[in-house]
Structure formats: C-alpha cells, structure tokens
Amino acid sequence: MDGGGLVTDQGRVVSAWRREDDVFLTEPGHPEYRMGQGKDVAVAVSPKGTYVIWSSPKGLQLWKTGVEVPIVLNMEGAYPSLVTLPDGSVLAAWEYKGAIRVEKMP
C-alpha cells in the first residue's frame, strides 16, 4: 500500500490508496474496488458523496459517488489533493505546468 487517504463521514470510514500501479477504494466490510491505474491518490467525503482523485497515464482523474467512469480533469496534472469545505463542496488542487491549479469539483 502506498499513499492515499482515510476519511470518515457520519461514522462511515472510506479509504483510497495505491498498490503497485493500481488505485483502490474500500470501506470496512466491503471488498476493495479497483479504480484504475495510477498514483498520488487523494480522497474526500461530503454530503454529495465520496470523491477520489489520482494521477494516471490518462491524466488527472476524478471518481465520485454516482459516476461509473472516472472523469479526466486535466491531461497533465500531478500531485492532487482534495478538501471538503464547510458548505459541503469539494475543492481539488494539483500541480499544472509549474503552478498550482484549484477547482471546485462537480
């Protein structure tokens, strides 16, 4: 296991991480779910659901509750991070061409 994060929401625990070249998501009592190939995993929860972001060969990808296929946020982004704000929205930050880019997640 490498990197990733552990978050809680109303007593529910969610974890996302990288093992070898793959990104996984799970919560206690449930099997691991392979999200895809990648590294630099970050996870957050909000009233809108769980968000996982990571760097992959396809670019910076975002998965969130209710989405079956991850969304490519940026083709060249790296080192992503997520934070849930007090209003329940989720912000992502990542490195892009030597600068930091910050966006509110859908």
PDB file of N, CA and C in Angstrom:
ATOM      1  N   MET A   1       0.849  -1.176   0.000  1.00  0.00           N
ATOM      2  CA  MET A   1       0.000   0.000   0.000  1.00  0.00           C
ATOM      3  C   MET A   1       0.889   1.231   0.000  1.00  0.00           C
ATOM      4  N   ASP A   2       0.499   2.227  -0.776  1.00  0.00           N
ATOM      5  CA  ASP A   2       1.290   3.440  -0.895  1.00  0.00           C
ATOM      6  C   ASP A   2       0.365   4.636  -1.014  1.00  0.00           C
ATOM      7  N   GLY A   3       0.606   5.668  -0.215  1.00  0.00           N
ATOM      8  CA  GLY A   3      -0.150   6.904  -0.323  1.00  0.00           C
ATOM      9  C   GLY A   3      -1.622   6.729  -0.021  1.00  0.00           C
ATOM     10  N   GLY A   4      -2.425   7.640  -0.543  1.00  0.00           N
ATOM     11  CA  GLY A   4      -3.859   7.554  -0.353  1.00  0.00           C
ATOM     12  C   GLY A   4      -4.322   8.311   0.858  1.00  0.00           C
ATOM     13  N   GLY A   5      -5.507   7.940   1.335  1.00  0.00           N
ATOM     14  CA  GLY A   5      -6.069   8.643   2.465  1.00  0.00           C
ATOM     15  C   GLY A   5      -7.160   7.836   3.132  1.00  0.00           C
ATOM     16  N   LEU A   6      -7.553   8.327   4.294  1.00  0.00           N
ATOM     17  CA  LEU A   6      -8.583   7.709   5.107  1.00  0.00           C
ATOM     18  C   LEU A   6      -9.483   8.830   5.592  1.00  0.00           C
ATOM     19  N   VAL A   7     -10.794   8.733   5.333  1.00  0.00           N
ATOM     20  CA  VAL A   7     -11.736   9.774   5.731  1.00  0.00           C
ATOM     21  C   VAL A   7     -12.947   9.139   6.405  1.00  0.00           C
ATOM     22  N   THR A   8     -13.656   9.938   7.197  1.00  0.00           N
ATOM     23  CA  THR A   8     -14.870   9.461   7.846  1.00  0.00           C
ATOM     24  C   THR A   8     -16.014  10.412   7.544  1.00  0.00           C
ATOM     25  N   ASP A   9     -17.206   9.843   7.513  1.00  0.00           N
ATOM     26  CA  ASP A   9     -18.412  10.636   7.294  1.00  0.00           C
ATOM     27  C   ASP A   9     -19.551   9.982   8.070  1.00  0.00           C
ATOM     28  N   GLN A  10     -20.005  10.645   9.114  1.00  0.00           N
ATOM     29  CA  GLN A  10     -21.102  10.146   9.936  1.00  0.00           C
ATOM     30  C   GLN A  10     -20.875   8.692  10.354  1.00  0.00           C
ATOM     31  N   GLY A  11     -19.664   8.399  10.815  1.00  0.00           N
ATOM     32  CA  GLY A  11     -19.335   7.061  11.289  1.00  0.00           C
ATOM     33  C   GLY A  11     -18.896   6.081  10.212  1.00  0.00           C
ATOM     34  N   ARG A  12     -19.016   6.455   8.956  1.00  0.00           N
ATOM     35  CA  ARG A  12     -18.591   5.607   7.842  1.00  0.00           C
ATOM     36  C   ARG A  12     -17.130   5.917   7.522  1.00  0.00           C
ATOM     37  N   VAL A  13     -16.303   4.887   7.383  1.00  0.00           N
ATOM     38  CA  VAL A  13     -14.885   5.065   7.090  1.00  0.00           C
ATOM     39  C   VAL A  13     -14.636   4.665   5.636  1.00  0.00           C
ATOM     40  N   VAL A  14     -13.925   5.507   4.897  1.00  0.00           N
ATOM     41  CA  VAL A  14     -13.599   5.238   3.496  1.00  0.00           C
ATOM     42  C   VAL A  14     -12.094   5.405   3.323  1.00  0.00           C
ATOM     43  N   SER A  15     -11.484   4.502   2.551  1.00  0.00           N
ATOM     44  CA  SER A  15     -10.053   4.558   2.303  1.00  0.00           C
ATOM     45  C   SER A  15      -9.770   4.397   0.812  1.00  0.00           C
ATOM     46  N   ALA A  16      -8.813   5.178   0.316  1.00  0.00           N
ATOM     47  CA  ALA A  16      -8.347   5.052  -1.071  1.00  0.00           C
ATOM     48  C   ALA A  16      -6.824   5.009  -1.023  1.00  0.00           C
ATOM     49  N   TRP A  17      -6.204   4.190  -1.877  1.00  0.00           N
ATOM     50  CA  TRP A  17      -4.758   4.032  -1.853  1.00  0.00           C
ATOM     51  C   TRP A  17      -4.262   3.455  -3.164  1.00  0.00           C
ATOM     52  N   ARG A  18      -2.929   3.411  -3.285  1.00  0.00           N
ATOM     53  CA  ARG A  18      -2.282   2.796  -4.444  1.00  0.00           C
ATOM     54  C   ARG A  18      -1.555   1.542  -3.993  1.00  0.00           C
ATOM     55  N   ARG A  19      -1.703   0.485  -4.761  1.00  0.00           N
ATOM     56  CA  ARG A  19      -0.925  -0.743  -4.567  1.00  0.00           C
ATOM     57  C   ARG A  19      -0.332  -1.087  -5.927  1.00  0.00           C
ATOM     58  N   GLU A  20       1.001  -1.201  -5.972  1.00  0.00           N
ATOM     59  CA  GLU A  20       1.725  -1.395  -7.225  1.00  0.00           C
ATOM     60  C   GLU A  20       1.330  -0.274  -8.180  1.00  0.00           C
ATOM     61  N   ASP A  21       0.654  -0.555  -9.282  1.00  0.00           N
ATOM     62  CA  ASP A  21       0.289   0.506 -10.234  1.00  0.00           C
ATOM     63  C   ASP A  21      -1.205   0.786 -10.266  1.00  0.00           C
ATOM     64  N   ASP A  22      -1.958   0.294  -9.289  1.00  0.00           N
ATOM     65  CA  ASP A  22      -3.411   0.436  -9.304  1.00  0.00           C
ATOM     66  C   ASP A  22      -3.927   1.223  -8.102  1.00  0.00           C
ATOM     67  N   VAL A  23      -5.050   1.900  -8.296  1.00  0.00           N
ATOM     68  CA  VAL A  23      -5.716   2.691  -7.262  1.00  0.00           C
ATOM     69  C   VAL A  23      -6.953   1.923  -6.800  1.00  0.00           C
ATOM     70  N   PHE A  24      -7.152   1.874  -5.480  1.00  0.00           N
ATOM     71  CA  PHE A  24      -8.268   1.138  -4.890  1.00  0.00           C
ATOM     72  C   PHE A  24      -9.067   2.023  -3.943  1.00  0.00           C
ATOM     73  N   LEU A  25     -10.325   1.639  -3.739  1.00  0.00           N
ATOM     74  CA  LEU A  25     -11.228   2.292  -2.800  1.00  0.00           C
ATOM     75  C   LEU A  25     -11.940   1.204  -2.013  1.00  0.00           C
ATOM     76  N   THR A  26     -12.142   1.418  -0.716  1.00  0.00           N
ATOM     77  CA  THR A  26     -12.904   0.459   0.084  1.00  0.00           C
ATOM     78  C   THR A  26     -13.411   1.115   1.353  1.00  0.00           C
ATOM     79  N   GLU A  27     -14.310   0.416   2.005  1.00  0.00           N
ATOM     80  CA  GLU A  27     -14.726   0.762   3.358  1.00  0.00           C
ATOM     81  C   GLU A  27     -14.895  -0.549   4.116  1.00  0.00           C
ATOM     82  N   PRO A  28     -14.756  -0.522   5.448  1.00  0.00           N
ATOM     83  CA  PRO A  28     -14.820  -1.764   6.215  1.00  0.00           C
ATOM     84  C   PRO A  28     -16.062  -2.589   5.896  1.00  0.00           C
ATOM     85  N   GLY A  29     -15.849  -3.912   5.768  1.00  0.00           N
ATOM     86  CA  GLY A  29     -16.954  -4.817   5.489  1.00  0.00           C
ATOM     87  C   GLY A  29     -17.293  -4.957   4.018  1.00  0.00           C
ATOM     88  N   HIS A  30     -16.573  -4.235   3.154  1.00  0.00           N
ATOM     89  CA  HIS A  30     -16.826  -4.291   1.711  1.00  0.00           C
ATOM     90  C   HIS A  30     -15.537  -4.679   0.990  1.00  0.00           C
ATOM     91  N   PRO A  31     -15.645  -5.337  -0.159  1.00  0.00           N
ATOM     92  CA  PRO A  31     -14.429  -5.685  -0.904  1.00  0.00           C
ATOM     93  C   PRO A  31     -13.782  -4.445  -1.513  1.00  0.00           C
ATOM     94  N   GLU A  32     -12.486  -4.555  -1.798  1.00  0.00           N
ATOM     95  CA  GLU A  32     -11.775  -3.477  -2.495  1.00  0.00           C
ATOM     96  C   GLU A  32     -12.394  -3.276  -3.872  1.00  0.00           C
ATOM     97  N   TYR A  33     -12.361  -2.033  -4.327  1.00  0.00           N
ATOM     98  CA  TYR A  33     -12.811  -1.710  -5.679  1.00  0.00           C
ATOM     99  C   TYR A  33     -11.627  -1.091  -6.408  1.00  0.00           C
ATOM    100  N   ARG A  34     -11.196  -1.723  -7.498  1.00  0.00           N
ATOM    101  CA  ARG A  34     -10.089  -1.197  -8.294  1.00  0.00           C
ATOM    102  C   ARG A  34     -10.607  -0.058  -9.159  1.00  0.00           C
ATOM    103  N   MET A  35     -10.045   1.144  -8.958  1.00  0.00           N
ATOM    104  CA  MET A  35     -10.486   2.335  -9.681  1.00  0.00           C
ATOM    105  C   MET A  35      -9.804   2.456 -11.044  1.00  0.00           C
ATOM    106  N   GLY A  36      -8.561   1.979 -11.124  1.00  0.00           N
ATOM    107  CA  GLY A  36      -7.800   2.077 -12.363  1.00  0.00           C
ATOM    108  C   GLY A  36      -6.321   2.199 -12.052  1.00  0.00           C
ATOM    109  N   GLN A  37      -5.537   2.416 -13.087  1.00  0.00           N
ATOM    110  CA  GLN A  37      -4.095   2.549 -12.945  1.00  0.00           C
ATOM    111  C   GLN A  37      -3.763   3.965 -12.491  1.00  0.00           C
ATOM    112  N   GLY A  38      -2.762   4.128 -11.610  1.00  0.00           N
ATOM    113  CA  GLY A  38      -2.369   5.470 -11.214  1.00  0.00           C
ATOM    114  C   GLY A  38      -1.556   5.536  -9.947  1.00  0.00           C
ATOM    115  N   LYS A  39      -1.387   6.777  -9.449  1.00  0.00           N
ATOM    116  CA  LYS A  39      -0.620   7.062  -8.239  1.00  0.00           C
ATOM    117  C   LYS A  39      -1.093   8.402  -7.673  1.00  0.00           C
ATOM    118  N   ASP A  40      -0.488   8.829  -6.559  1.00  0.00           N
ATOM    119  CA  ASP A  40      -0.801  10.122  -5.935  1.00  0.00           C
ATOM    120  C   ASP A  40      -2.297  10.267  -5.645  1.00  0.00           C
ATOM    121  N   VAL A  41      -2.828   9.350  -4.873  1.00  0.00           N
ATOM    122  CA  VAL A  41      -4.267   9.260  -4.597  1.00  0.00           C
ATOM    123  C   VAL A  41      -4.665  10.194  -3.455  1.00  0.00           C
ATOM    124  N   ALA A  42      -5.811  10.856  -3.603  1.00  0.00           N
ATOM    125  CA  ALA A  42      -6.406  11.654  -2.534  1.00  0.00           C
ATOM    126  C   ALA A  42      -7.892  11.312  -2.461  1.00  0.00           C
ATOM    127  N   VAL A  43      -8.474  11.415  -1.252  1.00  0.00           N
ATOM    128  CA  VAL A  43      -9.883  11.081  -1.056  1.00  0.00           C
ATOM    129  C   VAL A  43     -10.527  12.118  -0.137  1.00  0.00           C
ATOM    130  N   ALA A  44     -11.812  12.386  -0.370  1.00  0.00           N
ATOM    131  CA  ALA A  44     -12.598  13.284   0.479  1.00  0.00           C
ATOM    132  C   ALA A  44     -14.046  12.815   0.455  1.00  0.00           C
ATOM    133  N   VAL A  45     -14.792  13.146   1.498  1.00  0.00           N
ATOM    134  CA  VAL A  45     -16.230  12.888   1.517  1.00  0.00           C
ATOM    135  C   VAL A  45     -16.955  14.195   1.807  1.00  0.00           C
ATOM    136  N   SER A  46     -18.166  14.292   1.283  1.00  0.00           N
ATOM    137  CA  SER A  46     -19.023  15.449   1.516  1.00  0.00           C
ATOM    138  C   SER A  46     -20.462  14.944   1.526  1.00  0.00           C
ATOM    139  N   PRO A  47     -21.417  15.794   1.823  1.00  0.00           N
ATOM    140  CA  PRO A  47     -22.816  15.358   1.735  1.00  0.00           C
ATOM    141  C   PRO A  47     -23.209  14.869   0.331  1.00  0.00           C
ATOM    142  N   LYS A  48     -22.433  15.264  -0.678  1.00  0.00           N
ATOM    143  CA  LYS A  48     -22.695  14.836  -2.055  1.00  0.00           C
ATOM    144  C   LYS A  48     -22.102  13.468  -2.370  1.00  0.00           C
ATOM    145  N   GLY A  49     -21.260  12.923  -1.464  1.00  0.00           N
ATOM    146  CA  GLY A  49     -20.681  11.598  -1.683  1.00  0.00           C
ATOM    147  C   GLY A  49     -19.189  11.558  -1.482  1.00  0.00           C
ATOM    148  N   THR A  50     -18.590  10.492  -1.989  1.00  0.00           N
ATOM    149  CA  THR A  50     -17.148  10.261  -1.884  1.00  0.00           C
ATOM    150  C   THR A  50     -16.480  10.715  -3.177  1.00  0.00           C
ATOM    151  N   TYR A  51     -15.303  11.338  -3.035  1.00  0.00           N
ATOM    152  CA  TYR A  51     -14.515  11.814  -4.169  1.00  0.00           C
ATOM    153  C   TYR A  51     -13.121  11.198  -4.074  1.00  0.00           C
ATOM    154  N   VAL A  52     -12.614  10.682  -5.191  1.00  0.00           N
ATOM    155  CA  VAL A  52     -11.249  10.152  -5.252  1.00  0.00           C
ATOM    156  C   VAL A  52     -10.590  10.768  -6.483  1.00  0.00           C
ATOM    157  N   ILE A  53      -9.375  11.265  -6.306  1.00  0.00           N
ATOM    158  CA  ILE A  53      -8.634  11.877  -7.406  1.00  0.00           C
ATOM    159  C   ILE A  53      -7.235  11.250  -7.437  1.00  0.00           C
ATOM    160  N   TRP A  54      -6.687  11.051  -8.640  1.00  0.00           N
ATOM    161  CA  TRP A  54      -5.356  10.456  -8.770  1.00  0.00           C
ATOM    162  C   TRP A  54      -4.753  10.796 -10.119  1.00  0.00           C
ATOM    163  N   SER A  55      -3.432  10.642 -10.188  1.00  0.00           N
ATOM    164  CA  SER A  55      -2.698  10.821 -11.443  1.00  0.00           C
ATOM    165  C   SER A  55      -2.633   9.473 -12.139  1.00  0.00           C
ATOM    166  N   SER A  56      -2.918   9.472 -13.443  1.00  0.00           N
ATOM    167  CA  SER A  56      -2.891   8.227 -14.204  1.00  0.00           C
ATOM    168  C   SER A  56      -2.249   8.471 -15.564  1.00  0.00           C
ATOM    169  N   PRO A  57      -1.968   7.407 -16.314  1.00  0.00           N
ATOM    170  CA  PRO A  57      -1.443   7.589 -17.664  1.00  0.00           C
ATOM    171  C   PRO A  57      -2.419   8.366 -18.565  1.00  0.00           C
ATOM    172  N   LYS A  58      -3.711   8.382 -18.222  1.00  0.00           N
ATOM    173  CA  LYS A  58      -4.718   9.125 -18.997  1.00  0.00           C
ATOM    174  C   LYS A  58      -4.838  10.577 -18.547  1.00  0.00           C
ATOM    175  N   GLY A  59      -4.111  10.971 -17.499  1.00  0.00           N
ATOM    176  CA  GLY A  59      -4.197  12.319 -16.943  1.00  0.00           C
ATOM    177  C   GLY A  59      -4.739  12.268 -15.523  1.00  0.00           C
ATOM    178  N   LEU A  60      -5.073  13.426 -14.995  1.00  0.00           N
ATOM    179  CA  LEU A  60      -5.618  13.524 -13.650  1.00  0.00           C
ATOM    180  C   LEU A  60      -7.084  13.097 -13.686  1.00  0.00           C
ATOM    181  N   GLN A  61      -7.426  12.065 -12.909  1.00  0.00           N
ATOM    182  CA  GLN A  61      -8.778  11.512 -12.959  1.00  0.00           C
ATOM    183  C   GLN A  61      -9.526  11.748 -11.656  1.00  0.00           C
ATOM    184  N   LEU A  62     -10.836  11.930 -11.774  1.00  0.00           N
ATOM    185  CA  LEU A  62     -11.723  12.100 -10.628  1.00  0.00           C
ATOM    186  C   LEU A  62     -12.840  11.076 -10.720  1.00  0.00           C
ATOM    187  N   TRP A  63     -13.049  10.373  -9.615  1.00  0.00           N
ATOM    188  CA  TRP A  63     -14.210   9.498  -9.469  1.00  0.00           C
ATOM    189  C   TRP A  63     -15.016  10.035  -8.306  1.00  0.00           C
ATOM    190  N   LYS A  64     -16.331  10.028  -8.448  1.00  0.00           N
ATOM    191  CA  LYS A  64     -17.186  10.415  -7.331  1.00  0.00           C
ATOM    192  C   LYS A  64     -18.406   9.511  -7.303  1.00  0.00           C
ATOM    193  N   THR A  65     -19.043   9.449  -6.153  1.00  0.00           N
ATOM    194  CA  THR A  65     -20.232   8.631  -5.989  1.00  0.00           C
ATOM    195  C   THR A  65     -21.216   8.933  -7.119  1.00  0.00           C
ATOM    196  N   GLY A  66     -21.738   7.878  -7.722  1.00  0.00           N
ATOM    197  CA  GLY A  66     -22.732   8.038  -8.786  1.00  0.00           C
ATOM    198  C   GLY A  66     -22.152   8.094 -10.190  1.00  0.00           C
ATOM    199  N   VAL A  67     -20.824   8.132 -10.318  1.00  0.00           N
ATOM    200  CA  VAL A  67     -20.176   8.173 -11.627  1.00  0.00           C
ATOM    201  C   VAL A  67     -19.537   6.816 -11.872  1.00  0.00           C
ATOM    202  N   GLU A  68     -19.878   6.187 -12.986  1.00  0.00           N
ATOM    203  CA  GLU A  68     -19.329   4.856 -13.270  1.00  0.00           C
ATOM    204  C   GLU A  68     -17.935   4.906 -13.869  1.00  0.00           C
ATOM    205  N   VAL A  69     -17.659   5.910 -14.685  1.00  0.00           N
ATOM    206  CA  VAL A  69     -16.360   6.040 -15.345  1.00  0.00           C
ATOM    207  C   VAL A  69     -15.693   7.317 -14.828  1.00  0.00           C
ATOM    208  N   PRO A  70     -14.435   7.235 -14.378  1.00  0.00           N
ATOM    209  CA  PRO A  70     -13.759   8.437 -13.880  1.00  0.00           C
ATOM    210  C   PRO A  70     -13.716   9.547 -14.931  1.00  0.00           C
ATOM    211  N   ILE A  71     -13.757  10.770 -14.460  1.00  0.00           N
ATOM    212  CA  ILE A  71     -13.702  11.971 -15.301  1.00  0.00           C
ATOM    213  C   ILE A  71     -12.244  12.404 -15.402  1.00  0.00           C
ATOM    214  N   VAL A  72     -11.746  12.699 -16.603  1.00  0.00           N
ATOM    215  CA  VAL A  72     -10.400  13.239 -16.760  1.00  0.00           C
ATOM    216  C   VAL A  72     -10.489  14.747 -16.536  1.00  0.00           C
ATOM    217  N   LEU A  73      -9.839  15.228 -15.459  1.00  0.00           N
ATOM    218  CA  LEU A  73      -9.871  16.654 -15.134  1.00  0.00           C
ATOM    219  C   LEU A  73      -8.827  17.441 -15.901  1.00  0.00           C
ATOM    220  N   ASN A  74      -7.661  16.822 -16.122  1.00  0.00           N
ATOM    221  CA  ASN A  74      -6.561  17.528 -16.750  1.00  0.00           C
ATOM    222  C   ASN A  74      -5.591  16.491 -17.301  1.00  0.00           C
ATOM    223  N   MET A  75      -5.137  16.672 -18.518  1.00  0.00           N
ATOM    224  CA  MET A  75      -4.247  15.698 -19.144  1.00  0.00           C
ATOM    225  C   MET A  75      -2.830  15.705 -18.560  1.00  0.00           C
ATOM    226  N   GLU A  76      -2.415  16.833 -17.956  1.00  0.00           N
ATOM    227  CA  GLU A  76      -1.043  16.944 -17.480  1.00  0.00           C
ATOM    228  C   GLU A  76      -0.929  17.220 -15.986  1.00  0.00           C
ATOM    229  N   GLY A  77      -2.003  17.180 -15.247  1.00  0.00           N
ATOM    230  CA  GLY A  77      -1.960  17.477 -13.816  1.00  0.00           C
ATOM    231  C   GLY A  77      -1.238  16.404 -13.023  1.00  0.00           C
ATOM    232  N   ALA A  78      -0.714  16.809 -11.858  1.00  0.00           N
ATOM    233  CA  ALA A  78       0.004  15.866 -10.992  1.00  0.00           C
ATOM    234  C   ALA A  78      -0.147  16.284  -9.530  1.00  0.00           C
ATOM    235  N   TYR A  79       0.121  15.353  -8.626  1.00  0.00           N
ATOM    236  CA  TYR A  79       0.132  15.578  -7.176  1.00  0.00           C
ATOM    237  C   TYR A  79      -1.175  16.200  -6.660  1.00  0.00           C
ATOM    238  N   PRO A  80      -2.307  15.554  -6.892  1.00  0.00           N
ATOM    239  CA  PRO A  80      -3.591  16.134  -6.495  1.00  0.00           C
ATOM    240  C   PRO A  80      -3.854  16.036  -4.988  1.00  0.00           C
ATOM    241  N   SER A  81      -4.724  16.933  -4.542  1.00  0.00           N
ATOM    242  CA  SER A  81      -5.178  16.954  -3.163  1.00  0.00           C
ATOM    243  C   SER A  81      -6.649  17.366  -3.165  1.00  0.00           C
ATOM    244  N   LEU A  82      -7.412  16.881  -2.185  1.00  0.00           N
ATOM    245  CA  LEU A  82      -8.834  17.224  -2.058  1.00  0.00           C
ATOM    246  C   LEU A  82      -9.114  17.760  -0.661  1.00  0.00           C
ATOM    247  N   VAL A  83     -10.091  18.651  -0.559  1.00  0.00           N
ATOM    248  CA  VAL A  83     -10.553  19.142   0.741  1.00  0.00           C
ATOM    249  C   VAL A  83     -12.060  19.401   0.652  1.00  0.00           C
ATOM    250  N   THR A  84     -12.758  19.047   1.722  1.00  0.00           N
ATOM    251  CA  THR A  84     -14.185  19.333   1.826  1.00  0.00           C
ATOM    252  C   THR A  84     -14.346  20.625   2.612  1.00  0.00           C
ATOM    253  N   LEU A  85     -15.081  21.573   2.052  1.00  0.00           N
ATOM    254  CA  LEU A  85     -15.317  22.861   2.701  1.00  0.00           C
ATOM    255  C   LEU A  85     -16.535  22.789   3.625  1.00  0.00           C
ATOM    256  N   PRO A  86     -16.666  23.734   4.551  1.00  0.00           N
ATOM    257  CA  PRO A  86     -17.797  23.707   5.486  1.00  0.00           C
ATOM    258  C   PRO A  86     -19.176  23.689   4.812  1.00  0.00           C
ATOM    259  N   ASP A  87     -19.280  24.241   3.597  1.00  0.00           N
ATOM    260  CA  ASP A  87     -20.575  24.231   2.899  1.00  0.00           C
ATOM    261  C   ASP A  87     -20.852  22.909   2.180  1.00  0.00           C
ATOM    262  N   GLY A  88     -19.914  21.932   2.277  1.00  0.00           N
ATOM    263  CA  GLY A  88     -20.099  20.621   1.667  1.00  0.00           C
ATOM    264  C   GLY A  88     -19.503  20.484   0.281  1.00  0.00           C
ATOM    265  N   SER A  89     -19.045  21.586  -0.305  1.00  0.00           N
ATOM    266  CA  SER A  89     -18.416  21.472  -1.626  1.00  0.00           C
ATOM    267  C   SER A  89     -17.000  20.917  -1.460  1.00  0.00           C
ATOM    268  N   VAL A  90     -16.461  20.385  -2.547  1.00  0.00           N
ATOM    269  CA  VAL A  90     -15.122  19.776  -2.533  1.00  0.00           C
ATOM    270  C   VAL A  90     -14.232  20.537  -3.509  1.00  0.00           C
ATOM    271  N   LEU A  91     -13.046  20.911  -3.029  1.00  0.00           N
ATOM    272  CA  LEU A  91     -12.057  21.565  -3.878  1.00  0.00           C
ATOM    273  C   LEU A  91     -10.921  20.598  -4.149  1.00  0.00           C
ATOM    274  N   ALA A  92     -10.400  20.664  -5.365  1.00  0.00           N
ATOM    275  CA  ALA A  92      -9.204  19.897  -5.724  1.00  0.00           C
ATOM    276  C   ALA A  92      -8.098  20.877  -6.074  1.00  0.00           C
ATOM    277  N   ALA A  93      -6.886  20.533  -5.703  1.00  0.00           N
ATOM    278  CA  ALA A  93      -5.706  21.311  -6.083  1.00  0.00           C
ATOM    279  C   ALA A  93      -4.695  20.340  -6.669  1.00  0.00           C
ATOM    280  N   TRP A  94      -3.956  20.794  -7.677  1.00  0.00           N
ATOM    281  CA  TRP A  94      -2.925  19.964  -8.277  1.00  0.00           C
ATOM    282  C   TRP A  94      -1.892  20.839  -8.970  1.00  0.00           C
ATOM    283  N   GLU A  95      -0.738  20.225  -9.229  1.00  0.00           N
ATOM    284  CA  GLU A  95       0.303  20.930  -9.953  1.00  0.00           C
ATOM    285  C   GLU A  95       0.020  20.840 -11.443  1.00  0.00           C
ATOM    286  N   TYR A  96       0.151  21.979 -12.133  1.00  0.00           N
ATOM    287  CA  TYR A  96      -0.079  22.014 -13.572  1.00  0.00           C
ATOM    288  C   TYR A  96       0.889  23.012 -14.194  1.00  0.00           C
ATOM    289  N   LYS A  97       1.839  22.507 -14.966  1.00  0.00           N
ATOM    290  CA  LYS A  97       2.818  23.323 -15.665  1.00  0.00           C
ATOM    291  C   LYS A  97       3.543  24.294 -14.730  1.00  0.00           C
ATOM    292  N   GLY A  98       3.979  23.773 -13.572  1.00  0.00           N
ATOM    293  CA  GLY A  98       4.768  24.570 -12.647  1.00  0.00           C
ATOM    294  C   GLY A  98       3.976  25.482 -11.730  1.00  0.00           C
ATOM    295  N   ALA A  99       2.659  25.434 -11.806  1.00  0.00           N
ATOM    296  CA  ALA A  99       1.803  26.261 -10.933  1.00  0.00           C
ATOM    297  C   ALA A  99       0.780  25.360 -10.240  1.00  0.00           C
ATOM    298  N   ILE A 100       0.064  25.915  -9.275  1.00  0.00           N
ATOM    299  CA  ILE A 100      -0.987  25.186  -8.580  1.00  0.00           C
ATOM    300  C   ILE A 100      -2.339  25.620  -9.148  1.00  0.00           C
ATOM    301  N   ARG A 101      -3.125  24.645  -9.500  1.00  0.00           N
ATOM    302  CA  ARG A 101      -4.465  24.896 -10.036  1.00  0.00           C
ATOM    303  C   ARG A 101      -5.469  24.408  -8.995  1.00  0.00           C
ATOM    304  N   VAL A 102      -6.514  25.190  -8.739  1.00  0.00           N
ATOM    305  CA  VAL A 102      -7.546  24.847  -7.775  1.00  0.00           C
ATOM    306  C   VAL A 102      -8.907  24.947  -8.463  1.00  0.00           C
ATOM    307  N   GLU A 103      -9.717  23.909  -8.304  1.00  0.00           N
ATOM    308  CA  GLU A 103     -11.057  23.906  -8.911  1.00  0.00           C
ATOM    309  C   GLU A 103     -12.068  23.280  -7.964  1.00  0.00           C
ATOM    310  N   LYS A 104     -13.264  23.816  -8.002  1.00  0.00           N
ATOM    311  CA  LYS A 104     -14.388  23.208  -7.282  1.00  0.00           C
ATOM    312  C   LYS A 104     -14.843  21.988  -8.080  1.00  0.00           C
ATOM    313  N   MET A 105     -15.045  20.882  -7.404  1.00  0.00           N
ATOM    314  CA  MET A 105     -15.429  19.648  -8.070  1.00  0.00           C
ATOM    315  C   MET A 105     -16.930  19.618  -8.351  1.00  0.00           C
ATOM    316  N   PRO A 106     -17.283  18.947  -9.463  1.00  0.00           N
ATOM    317  CA  PRO A 106     -18.704  18.873  -9.842  1.00  0.00           C
ATOM    318  C   PRO A 106     -19.493  18.009  -8.869  1.00  0.00           C
TER     319      PRO A 106
END
